[in-house]
Amino acid sequence: MIFNSDKPIFLQMADRLCDEILADKYKDDDRIPSVREYAVLLEVNTNTAVKAYDELARANIIYNKRGLGYFVTKGAKKQILKERKHVFMKEQLPELFRQMQLLGITLEDVKDAYDLQQT
């Protein structure tokens, strides 16, 4: 995984795991890779992976079954979608609209570009 400097690595790892849940790689009550497995997979320090898992556990996205590992919490996908939509609408969309206005891009232009992406 290529990390950027905009956000701490453990949060980028947590986002990646959330992306995998959204993509149905992991469903409700599925076991996810262990902290060590995920650290090795992403080539990061185990402590960084621990922080990512702790963050997701605090957000109730994953839970730990002692001795068995971490699992996806029931309803995690719905929760992730709700939070990400909220962030998008509050933080990213206003900037997108501002840029569209500055560049003279219409909603029709965006729809046409979207339709091209779908083919």
PDB file of N, CA and C in Angstrom:
ATOM      1  N   MET A   1       0.847  -1.176   0.000  1.00  0.00           N
ATOM      2  CA  MET A   1       0.000   0.000   0.000  1.00  0.00           C
ATOM      3  C   MET A   1       0.888   1.232   0.000  1.00  0.00           C
ATOM      4  N   ILE A   2       0.517   2.201  -0.802  1.00  0.00           N
ATOM      5  CA  ILE A   2       1.248   3.457  -0.838  1.00  0.00           C
ATOM      6  C   ILE A   2       0.529   4.437   0.082  1.00  0.00           C
ATOM      7  N   PHE A   3       1.251   4.945   1.062  1.00  0.00           N
ATOM      8  CA  PHE A   3       0.661   5.857   2.029  1.00  0.00           C
ATOM      9  C   PHE A   3       0.961   7.292   1.625  1.00  0.00           C
ATOM     10  N   ASN A   4       0.030   8.196   1.949  1.00  0.00           N
ATOM     11  CA  ASN A   4       0.288   9.605   1.702  1.00  0.00           C
ATOM     12  C   ASN A   4       0.540  10.311   3.025  1.00  0.00           C
ATOM     13  N   SER A   5       1.014  11.534   2.948  1.00  0.00           N
ATOM     14  CA  SER A   5       1.388  12.247   4.163  1.00  0.00           C
ATOM     15  C   SER A   5       0.251  13.111   4.713  1.00  0.00           C
ATOM     16  N   ASP A   6      -0.923  13.038   4.097  1.00  0.00           N
ATOM     17  CA  ASP A   6      -2.056  13.852   4.543  1.00  0.00           C
ATOM     18  C   ASP A   6      -2.677  13.356   5.842  1.00  0.00           C
ATOM     19  N   LYS A   7      -2.460  12.099   6.160  1.00  0.00           N
ATOM     20  CA  LYS A   7      -3.167  11.457   7.259  1.00  0.00           C
ATOM     21  C   LYS A   7      -2.249  10.419   7.886  1.00  0.00           C
ATOM     22  N   PRO A   8      -2.343  10.205   9.211  1.00  0.00           N
ATOM     23  CA  PRO A   8      -1.501   9.179   9.838  1.00  0.00           C
ATOM     24  C   PRO A   8      -1.708   7.799   9.195  1.00  0.00           C
ATOM     25  N   ILE A   9      -0.650   7.020   9.151  1.00  0.00           N
ATOM     26  CA  ILE A   9      -0.690   5.707   8.503  1.00  0.00           C
ATOM     27  C   ILE A   9      -1.746   4.805   9.135  1.00  0.00           C
ATOM     28  N   PHE A  10      -1.881   4.830  10.463  1.00  0.00           N
ATOM     29  CA  PHE A  10      -2.863   3.935  11.088  1.00  0.00           C
ATOM     30  C   PHE A  10      -4.290   4.282  10.653  1.00  0.00           C
ATOM     31  N   LEU A  11      -4.568   5.558  10.411  1.00  0.00           N
ATOM     32  CA  LEU A  11      -5.897   5.935   9.919  1.00  0.00           C
ATOM     33  C   LEU A  11      -6.092   5.514   8.463  1.00  0.00           C
ATOM     34  N   GLN A  12      -5.027   5.575   7.676  1.00  0.00           N
ATOM     35  CA  GLN A  12      -5.109   5.104   6.295  1.00  0.00           C
ATOM     36  C   GLN A  12      -5.348   3.597   6.262  1.00  0.00           C
ATOM     37  N   MET A  13      -4.728   2.890   7.185  1.00  0.00           N
ATOM     38  CA  MET A  13      -4.953   1.445   7.282  1.00  0.00           C
ATOM     39  C   MET A  13      -6.397   1.157   7.681  1.00  0.00           C
ATOM     40  N   ALA A  14      -6.912   1.910   8.646  1.00  0.00           N
ATOM     41  CA  ALA A  14      -8.300   1.737   9.082  1.00  0.00           C
ATOM     42  C   ALA A  14      -9.242   2.021   7.910  1.00  0.00           C
ATOM     43  N   ASP A  15      -8.943   3.070   7.143  1.00  0.00           N
ATOM     44  CA  ASP A  15      -9.763   3.388   5.964  1.00  0.00           C
ATOM     45  C   ASP A  15      -9.736   2.250   4.951  1.00  0.00           C
ATOM     46  N   ARG A  16      -8.561   1.657   4.775  1.00  0.00           N
ATOM     47  CA  ARG A  16      -8.450   0.551   3.818  1.00  0.00           C
ATOM     48  C   ARG A  16      -9.300  -0.635   4.252  1.00  0.00           C
ATOM     49  N   LEU A  17      -9.258  -0.946   5.526  1.00  0.00           N
ATOM     50  CA  LEU A  17     -10.074  -2.050   6.018  1.00  0.00           C
ATOM     51  C   LEU A  17     -11.560  -1.725   5.858  1.00  0.00           C
ATOM     52  N   CYS A  18     -11.932  -0.479   6.095  1.00  0.00           N
ATOM     53  CA  CYS A  18     -13.321  -0.058   5.872  1.00  0.00           C
ATOM     54  C   CYS A  18     -13.680  -0.184   4.391  1.00  0.00           C
ATOM     55  N   ASP A  19     -12.756   0.186   3.507  1.00  0.00           N
ATOM     56  CA  ASP A  19     -12.992   0.019   2.066  1.00  0.00           C
ATOM     57  C   ASP A  19     -13.250  -1.444   1.732  1.00  0.00           C
ATOM     58  N   GLU A  20     -12.483  -2.331   2.354  1.00  0.00           N
ATOM     59  CA  GLU A  20     -12.651  -3.765   2.102  1.00  0.00           C
ATOM     60  C   GLU A  20     -13.999  -4.259   2.621  1.00  0.00           C
ATOM     61  N   ILE A  21     -14.457  -3.705   3.720  1.00  0.00           N
ATOM     62  CA  ILE A  21     -15.790  -4.055   4.233  1.00  0.00           C
ATOM     63  C   ILE A  21     -16.854  -3.533   3.273  1.00  0.00           C
ATOM     64  N   LEU A  22     -16.687  -2.310   2.783  1.00  0.00           N
ATOM     65  CA  LEU A  22     -17.649  -1.750   1.829  1.00  0.00           C
ATOM     66  C   LEU A  22     -17.690  -2.560   0.533  1.00  0.00           C
ATOM     67  N   ALA A  23     -16.550  -3.099   0.138  1.00  0.00           N
ATOM     68  CA  ALA A  23     -16.460  -3.893  -1.092  1.00  0.00           C
ATOM     69  C   ALA A  23     -16.886  -5.345  -0.871  1.00  0.00           C
ATOM     70  N   ASP A  24     -17.382  -5.648   0.329  1.00  0.00           N
ATOM     71  CA  ASP A  24     -17.854  -6.989   0.691  1.00  0.00           C
ATOM     72  C   ASP A  24     -16.757  -8.047   0.738  1.00  0.00           C
ATOM     73  N   LYS A  25     -15.512  -7.610   0.885  1.00  0.00           N
ATOM     74  CA  LYS A  25     -14.445  -8.592   1.101  1.00  0.00           C
ATOM     75  C   LYS A  25     -14.649  -9.241   2.471  1.00  0.00           C
ATOM     76  N   TYR A  26     -15.113  -8.437   3.425  1.00  0.00           N
ATOM     77  CA  TYR A  26     -15.446  -8.925   4.761  1.00  0.00           C
ATOM     78  C   TYR A  26     -16.868  -8.506   5.081  1.00  0.00           C
ATOM     79  N   LYS A  27     -17.674  -9.475   5.492  1.00  0.00           N
ATOM     80  CA  LYS A  27     -19.075  -9.219   5.830  1.00  0.00           C
ATOM     81  C   LYS A  27     -19.264  -9.319   7.347  1.00  0.00           C
ATOM     82  N   ASP A  28     -20.478  -9.035   7.806  1.00  0.00           N
ATOM     83  CA  ASP A  28     -20.791  -9.125   9.233  1.00  0.00           C
ATOM     84  C   ASP A  28     -20.292 -10.435   9.822  1.00  0.00           C
ATOM     85  N   ASP A  29     -19.605 -10.339  10.921  1.00  0.00           N
ATOM     86  CA  ASP A  29     -19.076 -11.465  11.688  1.00  0.00           C
ATOM     87  C   ASP A  29     -17.984 -12.263  10.984  1.00  0.00           C
ATOM     88  N   ASP A  30     -17.479 -11.784   9.846  1.00  0.00           N
ATOM     89  CA  ASP A  30     -16.323 -12.418   9.205  1.00  0.00           C
ATOM     90  C   ASP A  30     -15.070 -12.090  10.003  1.00  0.00           C
ATOM     91  N   ARG A  31     -14.163 -13.049  10.069  1.00  0.00           N
ATOM     92  CA  ARG A  31     -12.862 -12.803  10.686  1.00  0.00           C
ATOM     93  C   ARG A  31     -12.016 -12.010   9.701  1.00  0.00           C
ATOM     94  N   ILE A  32     -11.324 -11.005  10.213  1.00  0.00           N
ATOM     95  CA  ILE A  32     -10.412 -10.221   9.385  1.00  0.00           C
ATOM     96  C   ILE A  32      -8.990 -10.676   9.697  1.00  0.00           C
ATOM     97  N   PRO A  33      -8.012 -10.285   8.870  1.00  0.00           N
ATOM     98  CA  PRO A  33      -6.632 -10.691   9.159  1.00  0.00           C
ATOM     99  C   PRO A  33      -6.203 -10.245  10.553  1.00  0.00           C
ATOM    100  N   SER A  34      -5.328 -11.009  11.145  1.00  0.00           N
ATOM    101  CA  SER A  34      -4.795 -10.626  12.454  1.00  0.00           C
ATOM    102  C   SER A  34      -3.993  -9.336  12.296  1.00  0.00           C
ATOM    103  N   VAL A  35      -3.716  -8.720  13.422  1.00  0.00           N
ATOM    104  CA  VAL A  35      -2.914  -7.495  13.412  1.00  0.00           C
ATOM    105  C   VAL A  35      -1.585  -7.748  12.717  1.00  0.00           C
ATOM    106  N   ARG A  36      -0.941  -8.858  13.064  1.00  0.00           N
ATOM    107  CA  ARG A  36       0.355  -9.176  12.436  1.00  0.00           C
ATOM    108  C   ARG A  36       0.223  -9.430  10.940  1.00  0.00           C
ATOM    109  N   GLU A  37      -0.799 -10.184  10.560  1.00  0.00           N
ATOM    110  CA  GLU A  37      -1.010 -10.468   9.137  1.00  0.00           C
ATOM    111  C   GLU A  37      -1.205  -9.170   8.352  1.00  0.00           C
ATOM    112  N   TYR A  38      -2.011  -8.281   8.904  1.00  0.00           N
ATOM    113  CA  TYR A  38      -2.289  -7.020   8.210  1.00  0.00           C
ATOM    114  C   TYR A  38      -1.040  -6.143   8.160  1.00  0.00           C
ATOM    115  N   ALA A  39      -0.257  -6.139   9.244  1.00  0.00           N
ATOM    116  CA  ALA A  39       0.987  -5.368   9.268  1.00  0.00           C
ATOM    117  C   ALA A  39       1.956  -5.879   8.204  1.00  0.00           C
ATOM    118  N   VAL A  40       2.082  -7.199   8.102  1.00  0.00           N
ATOM    119  CA  VAL A  40       2.980  -7.790   7.096  1.00  0.00           C
ATOM    120  C   VAL A  40       2.462  -7.483   5.693  1.00  0.00           C
ATOM    121  N   LEU A  41       1.154  -7.638   5.493  1.00  0.00           N
ATOM    122  CA  LEU A  41       0.549  -7.383   4.189  1.00  0.00           C
ATOM    123  C   LEU A  41       0.823  -5.961   3.712  1.00  0.00           C
ATOM    124  N   LEU A  42       0.696  -5.000   4.622  1.00  0.00           N
ATOM    125  CA  LEU A  42       0.859  -3.590   4.253  1.00  0.00           C
ATOM    126  C   LEU A  42       2.260  -3.058   4.513  1.00  0.00           C
ATOM    127  N   GLU A  43       3.138  -3.942   5.003  1.00  0.00           N
ATOM    128  CA  GLU A  43       4.542  -3.602   5.247  1.00  0.00           C
ATOM    129  C   GLU A  43       4.683  -2.421   6.204  1.00  0.00           C
ATOM    130  N   VAL A  44       4.006  -2.549   7.355  1.00  0.00           N
ATOM    131  CA  VAL A  44       4.099  -1.527   8.395  1.00  0.00           C
ATOM    132  C   VAL A  44       4.455  -2.190   9.719  1.00  0.00           C
ATOM    133  N   ASN A  45       4.821  -1.383  10.673  1.00  0.00           N
ATOM    134  CA  ASN A  45       5.123  -1.851  12.016  1.00  0.00           C
ATOM    135  C   ASN A  45       3.851  -2.406  12.655  1.00  0.00           C
ATOM    136  N   THR A  46       3.990  -3.459  13.421  1.00  0.00           N
ATOM    137  CA  THR A  46       2.844  -4.075  14.092  1.00  0.00           C
ATOM    138  C   THR A  46       2.125  -3.077  15.008  1.00  0.00           C
ATOM    139  N   ASN A  47       2.878  -2.203  15.657  1.00  0.00           N
ATOM    140  CA  ASN A  47       2.258  -1.203  16.534  1.00  0.00           C
ATOM    141  C   ASN A  47       1.319  -0.272  15.759  1.00  0.00           C
ATOM    142  N   THR A  48       1.672   0.015  14.529  1.00  0.00           N
ATOM    143  CA  THR A  48       0.818   0.854  13.686  1.00  0.00           C
ATOM    144  C   THR A  48      -0.484   0.125  13.380  1.00  0.00           C
ATOM    145  N   ALA A  49      -0.375  -1.159  13.085  1.00  0.00           N
ATOM    146  CA  ALA A  49      -1.579  -1.965  12.825  1.00  0.00           C
ATOM    147  C   ALA A  49      -2.442  -2.061  14.076  1.00  0.00           C
ATOM    148  N   VAL A  50      -1.815  -2.182  15.236  1.00  0.00           N
ATOM    149  CA  VAL A  50      -2.565  -2.230  16.497  1.00  0.00           C
ATOM    150  C   VAL A  50      -3.379  -0.948  16.653  1.00  0.00           C
ATOM    151  N   LYS A  51      -2.777   0.192  16.353  1.00  0.00           N
ATOM    152  CA  LYS A  51      -3.489   1.470  16.460  1.00  0.00           C
ATOM    153  C   LYS A  51      -4.676   1.516  15.498  1.00  0.00           C
ATOM    154  N   ALA A  52      -4.495   0.980  14.293  1.00  0.00           N
ATOM    155  CA  ALA A  52      -5.589   0.954  13.318  1.00  0.00           C
ATOM    156  C   ALA A  52      -6.741   0.092  13.829  1.00  0.00           C
ATOM    157  N   TYR A  53      -6.417  -1.071  14.346  1.00  0.00           N
ATOM    158  CA  TYR A  53      -7.448  -1.974  14.862  1.00  0.00           C
ATOM    159  C   TYR A  53      -8.128  -1.376  16.092  1.00  0.00           C
ATOM    160  N   ASP A  54      -7.351  -0.734  16.957  1.00  0.00           N
ATOM    161  CA  ASP A  54      -7.940  -0.071  18.128  1.00  0.00           C
ATOM    162  C   ASP A  54      -8.918   1.018  17.697  1.00  0.00           C
ATOM    163  N   GLU A  55      -8.543   1.769  16.692  1.00  0.00           N
ATOM    164  CA  GLU A  55      -9.411   2.829  16.173  1.00  0.00           C
ATOM    165  C   GLU A  55     -10.729   2.244  15.653  1.00  0.00           C
ATOM    166  N   LEU A  56     -10.633   1.154  14.896  1.00  0.00           N
ATOM    167  CA  LEU A  56     -11.840   0.513  14.354  1.00  0.00           C
ATOM    168  C   LEU A  56     -12.685  -0.123  15.450  1.00  0.00           C
ATOM    169  N   ALA A  57     -12.041  -0.663  16.452  1.00  0.00           N
ATOM    170  CA  ALA A  57     -12.785  -1.247  17.572  1.00  0.00           C
ATOM    171  C   ALA A  57     -13.516  -0.158  18.354  1.00  0.00           C
ATOM    172  N   ARG A  58     -12.846   0.984  18.561  1.00  0.00           N
ATOM    173  CA  ARG A  58     -13.484   2.114  19.254  1.00  0.00           C
ATOM    174  C   ARG A  58     -14.702   2.622  18.474  1.00  0.00           C
ATOM    175  N   ALA A  59     -14.601   2.569  17.146  1.00  0.00           N
ATOM    176  CA  ALA A  59     -15.703   3.023  16.293  1.00  0.00           C
ATOM    177  C   ALA A  59     -16.769   1.942  16.116  1.00  0.00           C
ATOM    178  N   ASN A  60     -16.567   0.800  16.753  1.00  0.00           N
ATOM    179  CA  ASN A  60     -17.510  -0.328  16.690  1.00  0.00           C
ATOM    180  C   ASN A  60     -17.651  -0.903  15.276  1.00  0.00           C
ATOM    181  N   ILE A  61     -16.560  -0.869  14.525  1.00  0.00           N
ATOM    182  CA  ILE A  61     -16.524  -1.459  13.178  1.00  0.00           C
ATOM    183  C   ILE A  61     -16.078  -2.915  13.278  1.00  0.00           C
ATOM    184  N   ILE A  62     -15.147  -3.177  14.183  1.00  0.00           N
ATOM    185  CA  ILE A  62     -14.667  -4.541  14.417  1.00  0.00           C
ATOM    186  C   ILE A  62     -14.729  -4.826  15.910  1.00  0.00           C
ATOM    187  N   TYR A  63     -14.680  -6.100  16.255  1.00  0.00           N
ATOM    188  CA  TYR A  63     -14.637  -6.490  17.658  1.00  0.00           C
ATOM    189  C   TYR A  63     -13.683  -7.672  17.800  1.00  0.00           C
ATOM    190  N   ASN A  64     -13.181  -7.841  19.010  1.00  0.00           N
ATOM    191  CA  ASN A  64     -12.205  -8.881  19.288  1.00  0.00           C
ATOM    192  C   ASN A  64     -12.865 -10.020  20.047  1.00  0.00           C
ATOM    193  N   LYS A  65     -12.650 -11.240  19.549  1.00  0.00           N
ATOM    194  CA  LYS A  65     -13.027 -12.437  20.302  1.00  0.00           C
ATOM    195  C   LYS A  65     -11.721 -12.979  20.858  1.00  0.00           C
ATOM    196  N   ARG A  66     -11.606 -12.882  22.135  1.00  0.00           N
ATOM    197  CA  ARG A  66     -10.356 -13.266  22.794  1.00  0.00           C
ATOM    198  C   ARG A  66      -9.887 -14.655  22.335  1.00  0.00           C
ATOM    199  N   GLY A  67      -8.670 -14.699  21.854  1.00  0.00           N
ATOM    200  CA  GLY A  67      -8.072 -15.947  21.416  1.00  0.00           C
ATOM    201  C   GLY A  67      -8.418 -16.341  19.987  1.00  0.00           C
ATOM    202  N   LEU A  68      -9.380 -15.662  19.380  1.00  0.00           N
ATOM    203  CA  LEU A  68      -9.803 -16.002  18.012  1.00  0.00           C
ATOM    204  C   LEU A  68      -9.458 -14.933  16.999  1.00  0.00           C
ATOM    205  N   GLY A  69      -9.350 -13.687  17.438  1.00  0.00           N
ATOM    206  CA  GLY A  69      -9.008 -12.603  16.526  1.00  0.00           C
ATOM    207  C   GLY A  69     -10.099 -11.558  16.430  1.00  0.00           C
ATOM    208  N   TYR A  70      -9.991 -10.766  15.388  1.00  0.00           N
ATOM    209  CA  TYR A  70     -10.937  -9.667  15.167  1.00  0.00           C
ATOM    210  C   TYR A  70     -11.964 -10.051  14.109  1.00  0.00           C
ATOM    211  N   PHE A  71     -13.168  -9.541  14.303  1.00  0.00           N
ATOM    212  CA  PHE A  71     -14.294  -9.836  13.427  1.00  0.00           C
ATOM    213  C   PHE A  71     -15.042  -8.550  13.100  1.00  0.00           C
ATOM    214  N   VAL A  72     -15.759  -8.574  11.975  1.00  0.00           N
ATOM    215  CA  VAL A  72     -16.547  -7.410  11.561  1.00  0.00           C
ATOM    216  C   VAL A  72     -17.836  -7.363  12.381  1.00  0.00           C
ATOM    217  N   THR A  73     -18.102  -6.206  12.955  1.00  0.00           N
ATOM    218  CA  THR A  73     -19.308  -5.996  13.749  1.00  0.00           C
ATOM    219  C   THR A  73     -20.543  -6.013  12.844  1.00  0.00           C
ATOM    220  N   LYS A  74     -21.626  -6.605  13.337  1.00  0.00           N
ATOM    221  CA  LYS A  74     -22.890  -6.584  12.589  1.00  0.00           C
ATOM    222  C   LYS A  74     -23.283  -5.141  12.312  1.00  0.00           C
ATOM    223  N   GLY A  75     -23.620  -4.857  11.057  1.00  0.00           N
ATOM    224  CA  GLY A  75     -24.038  -3.509  10.672  1.00  0.00           C
ATOM    225  C   GLY A  75     -22.890  -2.556  10.395  1.00  0.00           C
ATOM    226  N   ALA A  76     -21.655  -3.062  10.381  1.00  0.00           N
ATOM    227  CA  ALA A  76     -20.490  -2.192  10.166  1.00  0.00           C
ATOM    228  C   ALA A  76     -20.544  -1.503   8.808  1.00  0.00           C
ATOM    229  N   LYS A  77     -20.933  -2.242   7.780  1.00  0.00           N
ATOM    230  CA  LYS A  77     -20.971  -1.654   6.437  1.00  0.00           C
ATOM    231  C   LYS A  77     -21.935  -0.467   6.405  1.00  0.00           C
ATOM    232  N   LYS A  78     -23.090  -0.638   6.985  1.00  0.00           N
ATOM    233  CA  LYS A  78     -24.085   0.436   7.022  1.00  0.00           C
ATOM    234  C   LYS A  78     -23.541   1.638   7.793  1.00  0.00           C
ATOM    235  N   GLN A  79     -22.868   1.372   8.897  1.00  0.00           N
ATOM    236  CA  GLN A  79     -22.291   2.436   9.714  1.00  0.00           C
ATOM    237  C   GLN A  79     -21.204   3.197   8.952  1.00  0.00           C
ATOM    238  N   ILE A  80     -20.338   2.456   8.250  1.00  0.00           N
ATOM    239  CA  ILE A  80     -19.263   3.079   7.466  1.00  0.00           C
ATOM    240  C   ILE A  80     -19.871   3.959   6.372  1.00  0.00           C
ATOM    241  N   LEU A  81     -20.861   3.425   5.660  1.00  0.00           N
ATOM    242  CA  LEU A  81     -21.516   4.198   4.600  1.00  0.00           C
ATOM    243  C   LEU A  81     -22.118   5.486   5.145  1.00  0.00           C
ATOM    244  N   LYS A  82     -22.795   5.383   6.266  1.00  0.00           N
ATOM    245  CA  LYS A  82     -23.442   6.557   6.863  1.00  0.00           C
ATOM    246  C   LYS A  82     -22.398   7.623   7.199  1.00  0.00           C
ATOM    247  N   GLU A  83     -21.319   7.213   7.849  1.00  0.00           N
ATOM    248  CA  GLU A  83     -20.274   8.155   8.246  1.00  0.00           C
ATOM    249  C   GLU A  83     -19.577   8.763   7.028  1.00  0.00           C
ATOM    250  N   ARG A  84     -19.247   7.931   6.056  1.00  0.00           N
ATOM    251  CA  ARG A  84     -18.537   8.440   4.880  1.00  0.00           C
ATOM    252  C   ARG A  84     -19.421   9.373   4.047  1.00  0.00           C
ATOM    253  N   LYS A  85     -20.698   9.060   3.936  1.00  0.00           N
ATOM    254  CA  LYS A  85     -21.611   9.960   3.221  1.00  0.00           C
ATOM    255  C   LYS A  85     -21.682  11.303   3.932  1.00  0.00           C
ATOM    256  N   HIS A  86     -21.763  11.265   5.260  1.00  0.00           N
ATOM    257  CA  HIS A  86     -21.820  12.496   6.041  1.00  0.00           C
ATOM    258  C   HIS A  86     -20.567  13.341   5.796  1.00  0.00           C
ATOM    259  N   VAL A  87     -19.402  12.727   5.882  1.00  0.00           N
ATOM    260  CA  VAL A  87     -18.138  13.440   5.665  1.00  0.00           C
ATOM    261  C   VAL A  87     -18.089  14.001   4.247  1.00  0.00           C
ATOM    262  N   PHE A  88     -18.497  13.197   3.268  1.00  0.00           N
ATOM    263  CA  PHE A  88     -18.478  13.649   1.875  1.00  0.00           C
ATOM    264  C   PHE A  88     -19.370  14.877   1.695  1.00  0.00           C
ATOM    265  N   MET A  89     -20.576  14.799   2.226  1.00  0.00           N
ATOM    266  CA  MET A  89     -21.527  15.893   2.057  1.00  0.00           C
ATOM    267  C   MET A  89     -21.070  17.164   2.784  1.00  0.00           C
ATOM    268  N   LYS A  90     -20.444  17.023   3.940  1.00  0.00           N
ATOM    269  CA  LYS A  90     -20.039  18.182   4.736  1.00  0.00           C
ATOM    270  C   LYS A  90     -18.682  18.757   4.330  1.00  0.00           C
ATOM    271  N   GLU A  91     -17.752  17.898   3.886  1.00  0.00           N
ATOM    272  CA  GLU A  91     -16.392  18.360   3.657  1.00  0.00           C
ATOM    273  C   GLU A  91     -15.969  18.386   2.196  1.00  0.00           C
ATOM    274  N   GLN A  92     -16.294  17.339   1.462  1.00  0.00           N
ATOM    275  CA  GLN A  92     -15.787  17.252   0.102  1.00  0.00           C
ATOM    276  C   GLN A  92     -16.709  17.916  -0.928  1.00  0.00           C
ATOM    277  N   LEU A  93     -17.991  17.736  -0.772  1.00  0.00           N
ATOM    278  CA  LEU A  93     -18.930  18.270  -1.755  1.00  0.00           C
ATOM    279  C   LEU A  93     -18.887  19.798  -1.851  1.00  0.00           C
ATOM    280  N   PRO A  94     -18.850  20.530  -0.741  1.00  0.00           N
ATOM    281  CA  PRO A  94     -18.770  21.990  -0.880  1.00  0.00           C
ATOM    282  C   PRO A  94     -17.547  22.446  -1.683  1.00  0.00           C
ATOM    283  N   GLU A  95     -16.402  21.799  -1.457  1.00  0.00           N
ATOM    284  CA  GLU A  95     -15.201  22.155  -2.220  1.00  0.00           C
ATOM    285  C   GLU A  95     -15.368  21.781  -3.687  1.00  0.00           C
ATOM    286  N   LEU A  96     -15.976  20.645  -3.946  1.00  0.00           N
ATOM    287  CA  LEU A  96     -16.230  20.236  -5.330  1.00  0.00           C
ATOM    288  C   LEU A  96     -17.110  21.262  -6.038  1.00  0.00           C
ATOM    289  N   PHE A  97     -18.181  21.687  -5.375  1.00  0.00           N
ATOM    290  CA  PHE A  97     -19.073  22.700  -5.964  1.00  0.00           C
ATOM    291  C   PHE A  97     -18.338  24.015  -6.210  1.00  0.00           C
ATOM    292  N   ARG A  98     -17.474  24.392  -5.280  1.00  0.00           N
ATOM    293  CA  ARG A  98     -16.700  25.625  -5.447  1.00  0.00           C
ATOM    294  C   ARG A  98     -15.797  25.545  -6.681  1.00  0.00           C
ATOM    295  N   GLN A  99     -15.125  24.403  -6.826  1.00  0.00           N
ATOM    296  CA  GLN A  99     -14.252  24.212  -7.989  1.00  0.00           C
ATOM    297  C   GLN A  99     -15.057  24.183  -9.291  1.00  0.00           C
ATOM    298  N   MET A 100     -16.214  23.535  -9.254  1.00  0.00           N
ATOM    299  CA  MET A 100     -17.069  23.493 -10.446  1.00  0.00           C
ATOM    300  C   MET A 100     -17.466  24.899 -10.865  1.00  0.00           C
ATOM    301  N   GLN A 101     -17.828  25.708  -9.900  1.00  0.00           N
ATOM    302  CA  GLN A 101     -18.241  27.081 -10.200  1.00  0.00           C
ATOM    303  C   GLN A 101     -17.076  27.873 -10.782  1.00  0.00           C
ATOM    304  N   LEU A 102     -15.896  27.754 -10.183  1.00  0.00           N
ATOM    305  CA  LEU A 102     -14.713  28.459 -10.677  1.00  0.00           C
ATOM    306  C   LEU A 102     -14.351  28.051 -12.099  1.00  0.00           C
ATOM    307  N   LEU A 103     -14.527  26.765 -12.399  1.00  0.00           N
ATOM    308  CA  LEU A 103     -14.133  26.231 -13.707  1.00  0.00           C
ATOM    309  C   LEU A 103     -15.256  26.229 -14.732  1.00  0.00           C
ATOM    310  N   GLY A 104     -16.452  26.620 -14.312  1.00  0.00           N
ATOM    311  CA  GLY A 104     -17.581  26.662 -15.241  1.00  0.00           C
ATOM    312  C   GLY A 104     -18.081  25.275 -15.617  1.00  0.00           C
ATOM    313  N   ILE A 105     -17.956  24.332 -14.695  1.00  0.00           N
ATOM    314  CA  ILE A 105     -18.420  22.964 -14.941  1.00  0.00           C
ATOM    315  C   ILE A 105     -19.861  22.859 -14.455  1.00  0.00           C
ATOM    316  N   THR A 106     -20.734  22.377 -15.319  1.00  0.00           N
ATOM    317  CA  THR A 106     -22.146  22.244 -14.967  1.00  0.00           C
ATOM    318  C   THR A 106     -22.442  20.836 -14.460  1.00  0.00           C
ATOM    319  N   LEU A 107     -23.606  20.690 -13.831  1.00  0.00           N
ATOM    320  CA  LEU A 107     -24.034  19.356 -13.404  1.00  0.00           C
ATOM    321  C   LEU A 107     -24.193  18.430 -14.604  1.00  0.00           C
ATOM    322  N   GLU A 108     -24.591  18.985 -15.736  1.00  0.00           N
ATOM    323  CA  GLU A 108     -24.705  18.192 -16.969  1.00  0.00           C
ATOM    324  C   GLU A 108     -23.323  17.678 -17.403  1.00  0.00           C
ATOM    325  N   ASP A 109     -22.299  18.520 -17.289  1.00  0.00           N
ATOM    326  CA  ASP A 109     -20.920  18.081 -17.588  1.00  0.00           C
ATOM    327  C   ASP A 109     -20.516  16.913 -16.692  1.00  0.00           C
ATOM    328  N   VAL A 110     -20.866  17.023 -15.412  1.00  0.00           N
ATOM    329  CA  VAL A 110     -20.527  15.968 -14.457  1.00  0.00           C
ATOM    330  C   VAL A 110     -21.285  14.693 -14.802  1.00  0.00           C
ATOM    331  N   LYS A 111     -22.565  14.828 -15.149  1.00  0.00           N
ATOM    332  CA  LYS A 111     -23.367  13.656 -15.516  1.00  0.00           C
ATOM    333  C   LYS A 111     -22.779  12.974 -16.743  1.00  0.00           C
ATOM    334  N   ASP A 112     -22.390  13.760 -17.741  1.00  0.00           N
ATOM    335  CA  ASP A 112     -21.787  13.190 -18.950  1.00  0.00           C
ATOM    336  C   ASP A 112     -20.490  12.448 -18.612  1.00  0.00           C
ATOM    337  N   ALA A 113     -19.661  13.041 -17.761  1.00  0.00           N
ATOM    338  CA  ALA A 113     -18.406  12.395 -17.369  1.00  0.00           C
ATOM    339  C   ALA A 113     -18.688  11.124 -16.580  1.00  0.00           C
ATOM    340  N   TYR A 114     -19.706  11.167 -15.729  1.00  0.00           N
ATOM    341  CA  TYR A 114     -20.089   9.987 -14.950  1.00  0.00           C
ATOM    342  C   TYR A 114     -20.562   8.869 -15.878  1.00  0.00           C
ATOM    343  N   ASP A 115     -21.387   9.224 -16.847  1.00  0.00           N
ATOM    344  CA  ASP A 115     -21.896   8.224 -17.792  1.00  0.00           C
ATOM    345  C   ASP A 115     -20.762   7.581 -18.574  1.00  0.00           C
ATOM    346  N   LEU A 116     -19.746   8.366 -18.938  1.00  0.00           N
ATOM    347  CA  LEU A 116     -18.577   7.825 -19.653  1.00  0.00           C
ATOM    348  C   LEU A 116     -17.814   6.827 -18.787  1.00  0.00           C
ATOM    349  N   GLN A 117     -17.735   7.099 -17.485  1.00  0.00           N
ATOM    350  CA  GLN A 117     -17.028   6.213 -16.566  1.00  0.00           C
ATOM    351  C   GLN A 117     -17.752   4.875 -16.415  1.00  0.00           C
ATOM    352  N   GLN A 118     -19.048   4.871 -16.599  1.00  0.00           N
ATOM    353  CA  GLN A 118     -19.851   3.659 -16.397  1.00  0.00           C
ATOM    354  C   GLN A 118     -19.794   2.709 -17.587  1.00  0.00           C
ATOM    355  N   THR A 119     -19.279   3.176 -18.701  1.00  0.00           N
ATOM    356  CA  THR A 119     -19.210   2.299 -19.889  1.00  0.00           C
ATOM    357  C   THR A 119     -17.884   1.633 -20.039  1.00  0.00           C
TER     358      THR A 119
END
